[in-house]
C-alpha atoms as a PDB file:
ATOM      1  CA  MET A   1     -16.774 -10.549   3.365  1.00  0.00           C
ATOM      2  CA  PRO A   2     -14.241 -11.595   6.015  1.00  0.00           C
ATOM      3  CA  ARG A   3     -11.593 -14.108   5.064  1.00  0.00           C
ATOM      4  CA  ARG A   4     -11.875 -17.580   6.656  1.00  0.00           C
ATOM      5  CA  LEU A   5      -8.498 -19.031   7.531  1.00  0.00           C
ATOM      6  CA  THR A   6      -7.329 -22.290   9.074  1.00  0.00           C
ATOM      7  CA  ALA A   7      -5.499 -22.446  12.407  1.00  0.00           C
ATOM      8  CA  ILE A   8      -3.603 -25.632  13.204  1.00  0.00           C
ATOM      9  CA  VAL A   9      -2.501 -25.787  16.840  1.00  0.00           C
ATOM     10  CA  GLU A  10       0.012 -28.417  17.958  1.00  0.00           C
ATOM     11  CA  ARG A  11       1.736 -29.058  21.242  1.00  0.00           C
ATOM     12  CA  GLU A  12       5.516 -29.005  20.974  1.00  0.00           C
ATOM     13  CA  ALA A  13       7.244 -29.934  24.245  1.00  0.00           C
ATOM     14  CA  ASP A  14       5.977 -27.437  26.821  1.00  0.00           C
ATOM     15  CA  ARG A  15       4.584 -24.870  24.305  1.00  0.00           C
ATOM     16  CA  TYR A  16       1.875 -24.722  21.658  1.00  0.00           C
ATOM     17  CA  VAL A  17       2.472 -23.661  18.075  1.00  0.00           C
ATOM     18  CA  ALA A  18      -0.299 -22.289  15.877  1.00  0.00           C
ATOM     19  CA  VAL A  19       0.076 -22.152  12.101  1.00  0.00           C
ATOM     20  CA  CYS A  20      -2.104 -20.673   9.372  1.00  0.00           C
ATOM     21  CA  PRO A  21      -1.223 -22.732   6.284  1.00  0.00           C
ATOM     22  CA  GLU A  22      -3.050 -20.423   3.850  1.00  0.00           C
ATOM     23  CA  VAL A  23      -0.438 -17.682   4.298  1.00  0.00           C
ATOM     24  CA  ASP A  24       2.330 -19.557   6.159  1.00  0.00           C
ATOM     25  CA  VAL A  25       2.122 -17.432   9.309  1.00  0.00           C
ATOM     26  CA  ALA A  26       2.842 -18.966  12.723  1.00  0.00           C
ATOM     27  CA  SER A  27       2.912 -18.036  16.387  1.00  0.00           C
ATOM     28  CA  GLN A  28       3.182 -19.774  19.757  1.00  0.00           C
ATOM     29  CA  GLY A  29       1.972 -19.637  23.333  1.00  0.00           C
ATOM     30  CA  ASP A  30       1.933 -21.410  26.677  1.00  0.00           C
ATOM     31  CA  THR A  31      -1.574 -22.789  26.002  1.00  0.00           C
ATOM     32  CA  GLY A  32      -3.465 -23.722  22.867  1.00  0.00           C
ATOM     33  CA  ALA A  33      -5.791 -20.751  23.354  1.00  0.00           C
ATOM     34  CA  GLU A  34      -2.859 -18.366  23.792  1.00  0.00           C
ATOM     35  CA  ALA A  35      -1.154 -19.715  20.669  1.00  0.00           C
ATOM     36  CA  ARG A  36      -4.366 -19.239  18.686  1.00  0.00           C
ATOM     37  CA  ALA A  37      -4.827 -15.685  19.995  1.00  0.00           C
ATOM     38  CA  ASN A  38      -1.202 -14.871  19.160  1.00  0.00           C
ATOM     39  CA  LEU A  39      -1.722 -16.287  15.672  1.00  0.00           C
ATOM     40  CA  ALA A  40      -4.792 -14.083  15.193  1.00  0.00           C
ATOM     41  CA  GLU A  41      -2.688 -11.056  16.148  1.00  0.00           C
ATOM     42  CA  ALA A  42       0.122 -12.116  13.799  1.00  0.00           C
ATOM     43  CA  LEU A  43      -2.373 -12.549  10.948  1.00  0.00           C
ATOM     44  CA  THR A  44      -3.874  -9.117  11.592  1.00  0.00           C
ATOM     45  CA  LEU A  45      -0.408  -7.566  11.437  1.00  0.00           C
ATOM     46  CA  PHE A  46       0.434  -9.527   8.287  1.00  0.00           C
ATOM     47  CA  PHE A  47      -2.675  -8.360   6.433  1.00  0.00           C
ATOM     48  CA  GLU A  48      -2.200  -4.760   7.656  1.00  0.00           C
ATOM     49  CA  THR A  49       1.430  -4.507   6.573  1.00  0.00           C
ATOM     50  CA  ALA A  50       1.962  -6.876   3.630  1.00  0.00           C
ATOM     51  CA  SER A  51       1.676  -5.515   0.127  1.00  0.00           C
ATOM     52  CA  PRO A  52      -1.134  -6.826  -2.070  1.00  0.00           C
ATOM     53  CA  GLU A  53       1.524  -8.630  -4.119  1.00  0.00           C
ATOM     54  CA  GLU A  54       2.907 -10.378  -1.020  1.00  0.00           C
ATOM     55  CA  ILE A  55      -0.577 -11.432   0.059  1.00  0.00           C
ATOM     56  CA  ASP A  56      -1.363 -12.782  -3.421  1.00  0.00           C
ATOM     57  CA  ARG A  57       1.987 -14.615  -3.563  1.00  0.00           C
ATOM     58  CA  ARG A  58       1.488 -16.325  -0.189  1.00  0.00           C
ATOM     59  CA  LEU A  59      -2.275 -16.885  -0.111  1.00  0.00           C
ATOM     60  CA  ARG A  60      -3.196 -20.461  -0.944  1.00  0.00           C
ATOM     61  CA  GLY A  61      -6.691 -21.234  -2.181  1.00  0.00           C
ATOM     62  CA  GLU A  62      -7.798 -24.482  -0.618  1.00  0.00           C
ATOM     63  CA  ILE A  63      -6.334 -26.240   2.392  1.00  0.00           C
ATOM     64  CA  TYR A  64      -7.368 -29.755   3.378  1.00  0.00           C
ATOM     65  CA  VAL A  65      -6.774 -30.881   6.938  1.00  0.00           C
ATOM     66  CA  THR A  66      -7.218 -34.538   7.809  1.00  0.00           C
ATOM     67  CA  HIS A  67      -6.475 -36.656  10.841  1.00  0.00           C
ATOM     68  CA  SER A  68      -4.954 -40.098  10.803  1.00  0.00           C
ATOM     69  CA  SER A  69      -3.856 -42.594  13.384  1.00  0.00           C
ATOM     70  CA  SER A  70      -0.117 -42.887  13.862  1.00  0.00           C
ATOM     71  CA  GLY A  71      -0.393 -46.465  15.022  1.00  0.00           C
ATOM     72  CA  ARG A  72       1.295 -45.714  18.353  1.00  0.00           C
END
């Protein structure tokens, strides 16, 4: 069964940063879609090259993402 992972994409200045909190892998791009695609590639490389011990050490079970108003 394929692993389901979270991608959080945020704009930072003139770039977008995408982070997968389950394994603490990140990437970036000029657009949100590009950042997400680059993150997918980074995750593929991570799972292809990391040892099982490294994956177990970094893989977090449950991630909760919520949204809140900043009041601005």
